[in-house]
Every structure is written in C-alpha cells, then in structure tokens.
C-alpha cells in the first residue's frame, strides 16, 4: 500500500505530533471540548483527526489542542500551532553544527636566550 507523504509519521513529527495521540477540539467552535485521536496532516497543514464517533475531521492547527508538559512539568493542553513552533525550535538543538577547524602549520619556537622561568 502506498501511503501519501503527508500521512506518514515523519509529517506528524514535523508538527510535534504522534499518530493516535489524544487531541481535543470544539465542535463548530463552541460548547465543550471533544477528545479525538490524531490521524495525519493534510497538504494545507491542517490536522486530520478522528472524533469519538469515528468520523474524520480536518481542522486548522489553531483550533485543536494537544497535551504537553508545561513549565513545571505538569501536562496541560496547548494549541498545536504553538507546539509546532516549539518543536521546530527544539530541532535546532538536536545536533551541534559541525565546526571545521582549519589545520595550519605547526610552529616551533626556538630560543637562543634563557627565559625568566628556565633553570640555569
């Protein structure tokens, strides 16, 4: 089976999400939050999820929330758009940049006169 690139786990990781992870949203933008499960990411960047009834929905990241640790370590609901920004910034610190130190000539200093710290 050929899975589209935007439905893969790598596409979810770019937003800081995992497949089947709990996600919450409000139906029609009002009322109580409904908890569903993450399915994938669409071409336009919206998140595909399944609601408790099993129906598929596609919502913008600004309208859905995901549980992430807060500043004190307690799990709290955060907007997916905020998590995606944080996740991208964390990727910057994963691998330190490769520093190429140019190798130059090794210089040997030869002294004719003794210095202050040399023993006589």
C-alpha atoms as a PDB file:
ATOM      1  CA  UNK A   1       0.000   0.000   0.000  1.00  0.00           C
ATOM      2  CA  UNK A   2       1.405   3.389  -0.996  1.00  0.00           C
ATOM      3  CA  UNK A   3       0.882   5.931   1.798  1.00  0.00           C
ATOM      4  CA  UNK A   4       0.992   9.625   0.801  1.00  0.00           C
ATOM      5  CA  UNK A   5       3.939  11.543   2.258  1.00  0.00           C
ATOM      6  CA  UNK A   6       1.687  13.837   4.275  1.00  0.00           C
ATOM      7  CA  UNK A   7       0.119  10.828   6.060  1.00  0.00           C
ATOM      8  CA  UNK A   8       3.416   9.442   7.366  1.00  0.00           C
ATOM      9  CA  UNK A   9       4.803   9.602  10.888  1.00  0.00           C
ATOM     10  CA  UNK A  10       7.527  11.969   9.647  1.00  0.00           C
ATOM     11  CA  UNK A  11       4.894  14.522   8.608  1.00  0.00           C
ATOM     12  CA  UNK A  12       3.343  14.314  12.068  1.00  0.00           C
ATOM     13  CA  UNK A  13       6.736  14.691  13.736  1.00  0.00           C
ATOM     14  CA  UNK A  14       7.302  17.954  11.883  1.00  0.00           C
ATOM     15  CA  UNK A  15       4.329  19.347  13.828  1.00  0.00           C
ATOM     16  CA  UNK A  16       5.383  17.627  17.056  1.00  0.00           C
ATOM     17  CA  UNK A  17       2.544  15.080  16.933  1.00  0.00           C
ATOM     18  CA  UNK A  18       2.279  11.280  17.105  1.00  0.00           C
ATOM     19  CA  UNK A  19      -0.283   9.008  15.458  1.00  0.00           C
ATOM     20  CA  UNK A  20      -3.293   8.067  17.665  1.00  0.00           C
ATOM     21  CA  UNK A  21      -2.314  10.700  20.232  1.00  0.00           C
ATOM     22  CA  UNK A  22      -5.257  12.313  22.093  1.00  0.00           C
ATOM     23  CA  UNK A  23      -6.224  15.703  20.689  1.00  0.00           C
ATOM     24  CA  UNK A  24      -9.127  17.977  21.634  1.00  0.00           C
ATOM     25  CA  UNK A  25     -11.313  20.406  19.708  1.00  0.00           C
ATOM     26  CA  UNK A  26     -14.682  22.143  19.947  1.00  0.00           C
ATOM     27  CA  UNK A  27     -17.465  21.127  17.575  1.00  0.00           C
ATOM     28  CA  UNK A  28     -18.454  24.119  15.473  1.00  0.00           C
ATOM     29  CA  UNK A  29     -16.160  26.284  17.588  1.00  0.00           C
ATOM     30  CA  UNK A  30     -18.470  26.301  20.633  1.00  0.00           C
ATOM     31  CA  UNK A  31     -19.550  24.116  23.512  1.00  0.00           C
ATOM     32  CA  UNK A  32     -17.356  21.650  25.362  1.00  0.00           C
ATOM     33  CA  UNK A  33     -14.129  20.208  24.105  1.00  0.00           C
ATOM     34  CA  UNK A  34     -14.296  16.808  22.397  1.00  0.00           C
ATOM     35  CA  UNK A  35     -11.319  14.457  22.589  1.00  0.00           C
ATOM     36  CA  UNK A  36     -10.278  12.634  19.429  1.00  0.00           C
ATOM     37  CA  UNK A  37      -7.167  10.938  18.016  1.00  0.00           C
ATOM     38  CA  UNK A  38      -4.557  12.276  15.590  1.00  0.00           C
ATOM     39  CA  UNK A  39      -4.602  10.693  12.112  1.00  0.00           C
ATOM     40  CA  UNK A  40      -2.332  12.777   9.892  1.00  0.00           C
ATOM     41  CA  UNK A  41      -1.535  16.118   8.274  1.00  0.00           C
ATOM     42  CA  UNK A  42      -3.127  17.401   5.067  1.00  0.00           C
ATOM     43  CA  UNK A  43      -1.487  19.288   2.169  1.00  0.00           C
ATOM     44  CA  UNK A  44      -2.535  22.669   3.577  1.00  0.00           C
ATOM     45  CA  UNK A  45      -1.104  21.919   7.047  1.00  0.00           C
ATOM     46  CA  UNK A  46      -4.417  21.121   8.735  1.00  0.00           C
ATOM     47  CA  UNK A  47      -4.597  18.204  11.167  1.00  0.00           C
ATOM     48  CA  UNK A  48      -6.739  15.159  10.362  1.00  0.00           C
ATOM     49  CA  UNK A  49      -8.292  13.534  13.417  1.00  0.00           C
ATOM     50  CA  UNK A  50     -10.979  11.038  14.398  1.00  0.00           C
ATOM     51  CA  UNK A  51     -13.679  12.092  16.845  1.00  0.00           C
ATOM     52  CA  UNK A  52     -15.148   9.648  19.425  1.00  0.00           C
ATOM     53  CA  UNK A  53     -17.828   8.593  16.906  1.00  0.00           C
ATOM     54  CA  UNK A  54     -15.133   7.552  14.404  1.00  0.00           C
ATOM     55  CA  UNK A  55     -15.836  10.389  11.967  1.00  0.00           C
ATOM     56  CA  UNK A  56     -12.835  12.002  10.300  1.00  0.00           C
ATOM     57  CA  UNK A  57     -12.326  15.748  10.706  1.00  0.00           C
ATOM     58  CA  UNK A  58      -9.745  18.116   9.337  1.00  0.00           C
ATOM     59  CA  UNK A  59      -9.074  21.234  11.408  1.00  0.00           C
ATOM     60  CA  UNK A  60      -6.513  24.019  11.358  1.00  0.00           C
ATOM     61  CA  UNK A  61      -3.727  23.738  13.991  1.00  0.00           C
ATOM     62  CA  UNK A  62      -5.026  26.925  15.652  1.00  0.00           C
ATOM     63  CA  UNK A  63      -8.311  25.154  16.507  1.00  0.00           C
ATOM     64  CA  UNK A  64      -7.011  21.928  18.089  1.00  0.00           C
ATOM     65  CA  UNK A  65      -5.098  21.320  21.304  1.00  0.00           C
ATOM     66  CA  UNK A  66      -2.643  18.632  22.370  1.00  0.00           C
ATOM     67  CA  UNK A  67      -1.344  17.686  25.830  1.00  0.00           C
ATOM     68  CA  UNK A  68       2.216  18.726  26.503  1.00  0.00           C
ATOM     69  CA  UNK A  69       4.269  19.335  29.679  1.00  0.00           C
ATOM     70  CA  UNK A  70       4.072  22.904  30.925  1.00  0.00           C
ATOM     71  CA  UNK A  71       6.856  24.944  32.535  1.00  0.00           C
ATOM     72  CA  UNK A  72       6.607  22.965  35.789  1.00  0.00           C
ATOM     73  CA  UNK A  73       6.279  19.549  34.104  1.00  0.00           C
ATOM     74  CA  UNK A  74       2.519  19.133  34.520  1.00  0.00           C
ATOM     75  CA  UNK A  75       0.586  18.070  31.416  1.00  0.00           C
ATOM     76  CA  UNK A  76      -1.616  20.819  30.022  1.00  0.00           C
ATOM     77  CA  UNK A  77      -3.483  21.452  26.782  1.00  0.00           C
ATOM     78  CA  UNK A  78      -1.620  23.600  24.241  1.00  0.00           C
ATOM     79  CA  UNK A  79      -2.529  24.707  20.736  1.00  0.00           C
ATOM     80  CA  UNK A  80      -0.953  22.553  18.038  1.00  0.00           C
ATOM     81  CA  UNK A  81       0.274  25.717  16.299  1.00  0.00           C
ATOM     82  CA  UNK A  82       2.269  26.632  19.448  1.00  0.00           C
ATOM     83  CA  UNK A  83       3.617  23.089  19.838  1.00  0.00           C
ATOM     84  CA  UNK A  84       4.738  23.067  16.187  1.00  0.00           C
ATOM     85  CA  UNK A  85       6.736  26.270  16.645  1.00  0.00           C
ATOM     86  CA  UNK A  86       8.381  24.948  19.810  1.00  0.00           C
ATOM     87  CA  UNK A  87       9.108  21.615  18.143  1.00  0.00           C
ATOM     88  CA  UNK A  88      10.839  23.301  15.203  1.00  0.00           C
ATOM     89  CA  UNK A  89      12.979  25.316  17.592  1.00  0.00           C
ATOM     90  CA  UNK A  90      13.964  22.189  19.522  1.00  0.00           C
ATOM     91  CA  UNK A  91      15.184  20.581  16.303  1.00  0.00           C
ATOM     92  CA  UNK A  92      17.786  23.329  16.089  1.00  0.00           C
ATOM     93  CA  UNK A  93      19.423  21.971  19.252  1.00  0.00           C
ATOM     94  CA  UNK A  94      19.393  18.281  18.319  1.00  0.00           C
ATOM     95  CA  UNK A  95      22.735  18.213  16.554  1.00  0.00           C
ATOM     96  CA  UNK A  96      25.505  20.693  17.164  1.00  0.00           C
ATOM     97  CA  UNK A  97      26.817  22.252  13.967  1.00  0.00           C
ATOM     98  CA  UNK A  98      29.948  20.692  12.567  1.00  0.00           C
ATOM     99  CA  UNK A  99      32.869  23.012  13.194  1.00  0.00           C
ATOM    100  CA  UNK A 100      35.723  22.700  10.781  1.00  0.00           C
ATOM    101  CA  UNK A 101      38.954  23.856  12.312  1.00  0.00           C
ATOM    102  CA  UNK A 102      41.475  24.709   9.634  1.00  0.00           C
ATOM    103  CA  UNK A 103      44.740  22.941  10.208  1.00  0.00           C
ATOM    104  CA  UNK A 104      47.712  25.177   9.691  1.00  0.00           C
ATOM    105  CA  UNK A 105      51.438  24.933  10.057  1.00  0.00           C
ATOM    106  CA  UNK A 106      52.795  23.922  13.428  1.00  0.00           C
ATOM    107  CA  UNK A 107      55.332  26.443  14.562  1.00  0.00           C
ATOM    108  CA  UNK A 108      58.196  25.506  16.851  1.00  0.00           C
ATOM    109  CA  UNK A 109      59.722  28.394  18.754  1.00  0.00           C
ATOM    110  CA  UNK A 110      63.464  28.183  19.202  1.00  0.00           C
ATOM    111  CA  UNK A 111      65.084  30.402  21.795  1.00  0.00           C
ATOM    112  CA  UNK A 112      68.664  31.472  21.936  1.00  0.00           C
ATOM    113  CA  UNK A 113      68.429  33.138  25.326  1.00  0.00           C
ATOM    114  CA  UNK A 114      67.047  31.576  28.519  1.00  0.00           C
ATOM    115  CA  UNK A 115      63.769  32.986  29.796  1.00  0.00           C
ATOM    116  CA  UNK A 116      62.889  34.014  33.325  1.00  0.00           C
ATOM    117  CA  UNK A 117      61.416  30.624  34.206  1.00  0.00           C
ATOM    118  CA  UNK A 118      64.153  28.440  32.792  1.00  0.00           C
ATOM    119  CA  UNK A 119      66.546  26.884  35.287  1.00  0.00           C
ATOM    120  CA  UNK A 120      70.146  27.819  34.873  1.00  0.00           C
END
